[in-house]
C-alpha cells in the first residue's frame, strides 16, 4: 500500500536500507519526504505525479541511504553514490529517465 505523497514507500525504503525493525520508521519517513523535497528543488518537478519514474525513485533511495548511513565512519563508497546521484539529478533536470532510454523530449 502506497503512503500518501511518497515517491518511495516506507516499506520499499526499509528494504533498500536493510532495516527490519520499526524503530527508525519515523526517521526514515522524514528522510523520504526531505529527499523528495530536495529532488523537487533541484529539478523543479514533482515526481510524485509521475507514477513510474524509476530514476527519480533511485535518487530518493540514494539520498536517504546517504543520510542514513554515509555519516557513519564505516560507510564505504559514498563518493561513487554521490556522483551517480548527481548525474541522475542532472538527467532528470533535462527530462531524461534512465529506465526509459534517458533521452530528453
N, C-alpha and C. Protein backbone atom coordinates (compact mmCIF):
# COMPACT_ATOMS: atom_id res chain seq x y z
N UNK A 1 0.84 -1.18 0.00
CA UNK A 1 0.00 0.00 0.00
C UNK A 1 0.89 1.25 0.00
N UNK A 2 0.68 2.14 -0.95
CA UNK A 2 1.48 3.35 -1.05
C UNK A 2 1.06 4.36 0.01
N UNK A 3 2.06 5.01 0.57
CA UNK A 3 1.78 6.04 1.55
C UNK A 3 1.54 7.36 0.83
N UNK A 4 0.65 8.15 1.38
CA UNK A 4 0.25 9.41 0.77
C UNK A 4 1.45 10.33 0.54
N UNK A 5 1.61 10.76 -0.70
CA UNK A 5 2.63 11.73 -1.04
C UNK A 5 4.06 11.22 -1.06
N UNK A 6 4.23 9.90 -1.06
CA UNK A 6 5.59 9.35 -1.05
C UNK A 6 5.92 8.71 -2.39
N UNK A 7 7.02 9.12 -2.95
CA UNK A 7 7.51 8.53 -4.20
C UNK A 7 8.02 7.11 -3.95
N UNK A 8 8.66 6.92 -2.81
CA UNK A 8 9.16 5.62 -2.38
C UNK A 8 8.47 5.33 -1.04
N UNK A 9 7.85 4.17 -0.92
CA UNK A 9 7.15 3.85 0.33
C UNK A 9 8.14 3.52 1.45
N UNK A 10 7.65 3.60 2.65
CA UNK A 10 8.47 3.25 3.81
C UNK A 10 8.97 1.82 3.70
N UNK A 11 8.10 0.91 3.29
CA UNK A 11 8.49 -0.50 3.17
C UNK A 11 9.59 -0.69 2.12
N UNK A 12 9.45 -0.01 0.98
CA UNK A 12 10.48 -0.09 -0.06
C UNK A 12 11.81 0.45 0.45
N UNK A 13 11.74 1.56 1.17
CA UNK A 13 12.96 2.18 1.67
C UNK A 13 13.62 1.33 2.73
N UNK A 14 12.84 0.76 3.63
CA UNK A 14 13.40 -0.11 4.66
C UNK A 14 14.07 -1.32 4.02
N UNK A 15 13.46 -1.87 2.99
CA UNK A 15 14.06 -3.00 2.28
C UNK A 15 15.40 -2.58 1.65
N UNK A 16 15.43 -1.42 1.03
CA UNK A 16 16.64 -0.90 0.41
C UNK A 16 17.74 -0.69 1.44
N UNK A 17 17.36 -0.20 2.62
CA UNK A 17 18.33 0.07 3.68
C UNK A 17 18.72 -1.18 4.47
N UNK A 18 17.93 -2.25 4.33
CA UNK A 18 18.17 -3.45 5.11
C UNK A 18 17.70 -3.30 6.55
N UNK A 19 16.72 -2.47 6.77
CA UNK A 19 16.15 -2.23 8.10
C UNK A 19 14.92 -3.10 8.28
N UNK A 20 14.86 -3.83 9.36
CA UNK A 20 13.71 -4.69 9.59
C UNK A 20 12.87 -4.26 10.79
N UNK A 21 13.46 -3.51 11.69
CA UNK A 21 12.72 -3.10 12.88
C UNK A 21 11.86 -1.88 12.56
N UNK A 22 10.96 -1.55 13.42
CA UNK A 22 10.14 -0.36 13.27
C UNK A 22 10.70 0.82 14.03
N UNK A 23 11.86 0.63 14.65
CA UNK A 23 12.45 1.65 15.49
C UNK A 23 12.72 2.97 14.76
N UNK A 24 13.16 2.90 13.52
CA UNK A 24 13.53 4.10 12.75
C UNK A 24 12.48 4.52 11.73
N UNK A 25 11.28 3.98 11.81
CA UNK A 25 10.26 4.26 10.80
C UNK A 25 9.99 5.76 10.61
N UNK A 26 9.83 6.49 11.69
CA UNK A 26 9.54 7.93 11.56
C UNK A 26 10.72 8.67 10.96
N UNK A 27 11.93 8.32 11.39
CA UNK A 27 13.13 8.95 10.84
C UNK A 27 13.24 8.69 9.34
N UNK A 28 13.03 7.44 8.93
CA UNK A 28 13.12 7.09 7.51
C UNK A 28 12.03 7.80 6.71
N UNK A 29 10.82 7.86 7.25
CA UNK A 29 9.73 8.56 6.58
C UNK A 29 10.09 10.03 6.38
N UNK A 30 10.61 10.66 7.42
CA UNK A 30 11.02 12.06 7.32
C UNK A 30 12.12 12.25 6.28
N UNK A 31 13.04 11.30 6.22
CA UNK A 31 14.12 11.37 5.23
C UNK A 31 13.59 11.23 3.80
N UNK A 32 12.58 10.39 3.62
CA UNK A 32 11.97 10.24 2.29
C UNK A 32 11.37 11.56 1.84
N UNK A 33 10.59 12.19 2.72
CA UNK A 33 9.99 13.49 2.38
C UNK A 33 11.06 14.54 2.11
N UNK A 34 12.12 14.55 2.90
CA UNK A 34 13.21 15.52 2.70
C UNK A 34 13.92 15.27 1.36
N UNK A 35 14.12 14.01 1.02
CA UNK A 35 14.78 13.66 -0.26
C UNK A 35 13.91 14.07 -1.43
N UNK A 36 12.61 13.87 -1.32
CA UNK A 36 11.69 14.29 -2.38
C UNK A 36 11.71 15.80 -2.54
N UNK A 37 11.73 16.52 -1.43
CA UNK A 37 11.80 17.98 -1.47
C UNK A 37 13.09 18.44 -2.13
N UNK A 38 14.20 17.80 -1.78
CA UNK A 38 15.48 18.14 -2.39
C UNK A 38 15.45 17.90 -3.89
N UNK A 39 14.87 16.78 -4.31
CA UNK A 39 14.76 16.47 -5.73
C UNK A 39 13.88 17.49 -6.44
N UNK A 40 12.78 17.86 -5.82
CA UNK A 40 11.88 18.86 -6.41
C UNK A 40 12.61 20.19 -6.58
N UNK A 41 13.35 20.60 -5.55
CA UNK A 41 14.08 21.87 -5.62
C UNK A 41 15.17 21.83 -6.71
N UNK A 42 15.81 20.69 -6.87
CA UNK A 42 16.89 20.56 -7.85
C UNK A 42 16.37 20.54 -9.29
N UNK A 43 15.17 19.98 -9.48
CA UNK A 43 14.66 19.79 -10.84
C UNK A 43 13.47 20.68 -11.19
N UNK A 44 12.78 21.17 -10.18
CA UNK A 44 11.55 21.93 -10.42
C UNK A 44 10.39 21.05 -10.81
N UNK A 45 10.53 19.74 -10.60
CA UNK A 45 9.49 18.78 -11.00
C UNK A 45 9.03 17.97 -9.78
N UNK A 46 7.71 17.74 -9.73
CA UNK A 46 7.14 16.92 -8.67
C UNK A 46 6.95 15.51 -9.23
N UNK A 47 7.89 14.63 -8.92
CA UNK A 47 7.88 13.30 -9.50
C UNK A 47 6.83 12.38 -8.87
N UNK A 48 6.17 12.82 -7.81
CA UNK A 48 5.08 12.02 -7.26
C UNK A 48 3.94 11.90 -8.25
N UNK A 49 3.85 12.85 -9.17
CA UNK A 49 2.80 12.85 -10.18
C UNK A 49 3.14 11.93 -11.35
N UNK A 50 4.36 11.45 -11.40
CA UNK A 50 4.81 10.53 -12.45
C UNK A 50 5.02 9.18 -11.79
N UNK A 51 4.05 8.31 -11.93
CA UNK A 51 3.99 7.08 -11.14
C UNK A 51 5.20 6.16 -11.32
N UNK A 52 5.72 6.04 -12.49
CA UNK A 52 6.75 5.03 -12.73
C UNK A 52 8.09 5.63 -13.14
N UNK A 53 8.53 6.67 -12.50
CA UNK A 53 9.82 7.23 -12.83
C UNK A 53 10.87 6.60 -11.91
N UNK A 54 11.47 5.54 -12.38
CA UNK A 54 12.44 4.79 -11.58
C UNK A 54 13.70 5.59 -11.30
N UNK A 55 14.06 6.50 -12.19
CA UNK A 55 15.24 7.32 -11.95
C UNK A 55 15.01 8.22 -10.74
N UNK A 56 13.86 8.86 -10.67
CA UNK A 56 13.53 9.71 -9.53
C UNK A 56 13.48 8.89 -8.24
N UNK A 57 12.89 7.71 -8.31
CA UNK A 57 12.85 6.84 -7.12
C UNK A 57 14.27 6.47 -6.69
N UNK A 58 15.14 6.20 -7.65
CA UNK A 58 16.52 5.86 -7.34
C UNK A 58 17.24 7.01 -6.65
N UNK A 59 16.98 8.24 -7.10
CA UNK A 59 17.59 9.40 -6.46
C UNK A 59 17.11 9.52 -5.02
N UNK A 60 15.83 9.31 -4.78
CA UNK A 60 15.29 9.38 -3.42
C UNK A 60 15.94 8.30 -2.57
N UNK A 61 16.03 7.07 -3.09
CA UNK A 61 16.64 5.99 -2.32
C UNK A 61 18.10 6.30 -1.98
N UNK A 62 18.85 6.79 -2.96
CA UNK A 62 20.26 7.12 -2.72
C UNK A 62 20.40 8.25 -1.70
N UNK A 63 19.54 9.25 -1.80
CA UNK A 63 19.60 10.38 -0.87
C UNK A 63 19.33 9.92 0.55
N UNK A 64 18.31 9.08 0.73
CA UNK A 64 18.01 8.58 2.06
C UNK A 64 19.15 7.69 2.56
N UNK A 65 19.68 6.83 1.71
CA UNK A 65 20.79 5.97 2.11
C UNK A 65 21.97 6.82 2.59
N UNK A 66 22.30 7.86 1.81
CA UNK A 66 23.41 8.72 2.20
C UNK A 66 23.14 9.40 3.54
N UNK A 67 21.92 9.84 3.74
CA UNK A 67 21.56 10.48 5.01
C UNK A 67 21.58 9.49 6.17
N UNK A 68 21.16 8.28 5.91
CA UNK A 68 21.02 7.27 6.96
C UNK A 68 22.35 6.62 7.33
N UNK A 69 23.20 6.39 6.33
CA UNK A 69 24.44 5.64 6.55
C UNK A 69 25.74 6.41 6.33
N UNK A 70 25.77 7.37 5.43
CA UNK A 70 27.04 7.96 5.00
C UNK A 70 27.79 8.68 6.10
N UNK A 71 27.09 9.18 7.10
CA UNK A 71 27.78 9.88 8.19
C UNK A 71 28.49 8.93 9.14
N UNK A 72 28.23 7.66 9.02
CA UNK A 72 28.88 6.68 9.88
C UNK A 72 30.31 6.45 9.41
N UNK A 73 31.18 6.22 10.32
CA UNK A 73 32.60 6.08 9.99
C UNK A 73 32.89 4.89 9.07
N UNK A 74 32.09 3.84 9.16
CA UNK A 74 32.38 2.65 8.37
C UNK A 74 31.71 2.64 7.01
N UNK A 75 31.07 3.74 6.62
CA UNK A 75 30.41 3.81 5.31
C UNK A 75 31.47 3.77 4.21
N UNK A 76 31.22 2.95 3.21
CA UNK A 76 32.15 2.78 2.11
C UNK A 76 31.53 3.28 0.80
N UNK A 77 32.38 3.75 -0.09
CA UNK A 77 32.00 4.06 -1.46
C UNK A 77 30.93 5.15 -1.57
N UNK A 78 30.90 6.07 -0.64
CA UNK A 78 29.88 7.12 -0.71
C UNK A 78 30.14 8.10 -1.84
N UNK A 79 31.39 8.32 -2.20
CA UNK A 79 31.69 9.24 -3.30
C UNK A 79 31.10 8.75 -4.61
N UNK A 80 31.19 7.45 -4.85
CA UNK A 80 30.61 6.87 -6.06
C UNK A 80 29.09 7.09 -6.07
N UNK A 81 28.45 6.86 -4.95
CA UNK A 81 26.99 7.03 -4.86
C UNK A 81 26.62 8.49 -5.03
N UNK A 82 27.37 9.39 -4.43
CA UNK A 82 27.08 10.82 -4.57
C UNK A 82 27.23 11.28 -6.02
N UNK A 83 28.26 10.79 -6.72
CA UNK A 83 28.44 11.15 -8.14
C UNK A 83 27.31 10.60 -8.99
N UNK A 84 26.94 9.35 -8.75
CA UNK A 84 25.83 8.73 -9.51
C UNK A 84 24.54 9.49 -9.27
N UNK A 85 24.28 9.84 -8.02
CA UNK A 85 23.07 10.59 -7.66
C UNK A 85 23.06 11.95 -8.38
N UNK A 86 24.19 12.63 -8.42
CA UNK A 86 24.27 13.92 -9.11
C UNK A 86 24.01 13.79 -10.60
N UNK A 87 24.55 12.73 -11.20
CA UNK A 87 24.31 12.50 -12.63
C UNK A 87 22.82 12.24 -12.91
N UNK A 88 22.19 11.47 -12.04
CA UNK A 88 20.76 11.18 -12.22
C UNK A 88 19.92 12.44 -12.05
N UNK A 89 20.26 13.28 -11.10
CA UNK A 89 19.53 14.53 -10.92
C UNK A 89 19.67 15.40 -12.16
N UNK A 90 20.87 15.50 -12.69
CA UNK A 90 21.08 16.27 -13.91
C UNK A 90 20.25 15.71 -15.05
N UNK A 91 20.22 14.41 -15.17
CA UNK A 91 19.42 13.75 -16.20
C UNK A 91 17.94 14.11 -16.04
N UNK A 92 17.45 14.09 -14.81
CA UNK A 92 16.05 14.42 -14.56
C UNK A 92 15.76 15.90 -14.81
N UNK A 93 16.74 16.75 -14.58
CA UNK A 93 16.56 18.18 -14.85
C UNK A 93 16.28 18.42 -16.33
N UNK A 94 16.86 17.59 -17.17
CA UNK A 94 16.71 17.76 -18.61
C UNK A 94 15.65 16.83 -19.21
N UNK A 95 14.87 16.20 -18.35
CA UNK A 95 13.72 15.42 -18.82
C UNK A 95 14.01 13.97 -19.11
N UNK A 96 15.20 13.49 -18.89
CA UNK A 96 15.53 12.09 -19.17
C UNK A 96 15.20 11.18 -18.01
N UNK A 97 14.93 9.94 -18.33
CA UNK A 97 14.71 8.89 -17.33
C UNK A 97 15.54 7.71 -17.77
N UNK A 98 16.51 7.33 -16.97
CA UNK A 98 17.42 6.24 -17.32
C UNK A 98 16.67 4.96 -17.67
N UNK A 99 15.55 4.71 -17.03
CA UNK A 99 14.79 3.49 -17.29
C UNK A 99 14.06 3.55 -18.63
N UNK A 100 13.90 4.75 -19.18
CA UNK A 100 13.19 4.89 -20.45
C UNK A 100 14.10 5.43 -21.52
N UNK A 101 15.35 5.03 -21.48
CA UNK A 101 16.29 5.42 -22.51
C UNK A 101 17.09 6.68 -22.20
N UNK A 102 16.69 7.41 -21.18
CA UNK A 102 17.45 8.56 -20.75
C UNK A 102 17.44 9.73 -21.70
N UNK A 103 16.55 9.74 -22.65
CA UNK A 103 16.52 10.81 -23.64
C UNK A 103 15.58 11.93 -23.22
N UNK A 104 16.03 13.13 -23.40
CA UNK A 104 15.17 14.29 -23.15
C UNK A 104 14.18 14.41 -24.31
N UNK A 105 12.96 14.88 -24.03
CA UNK A 105 11.98 15.01 -25.11
C UNK A 105 12.38 16.06 -26.12
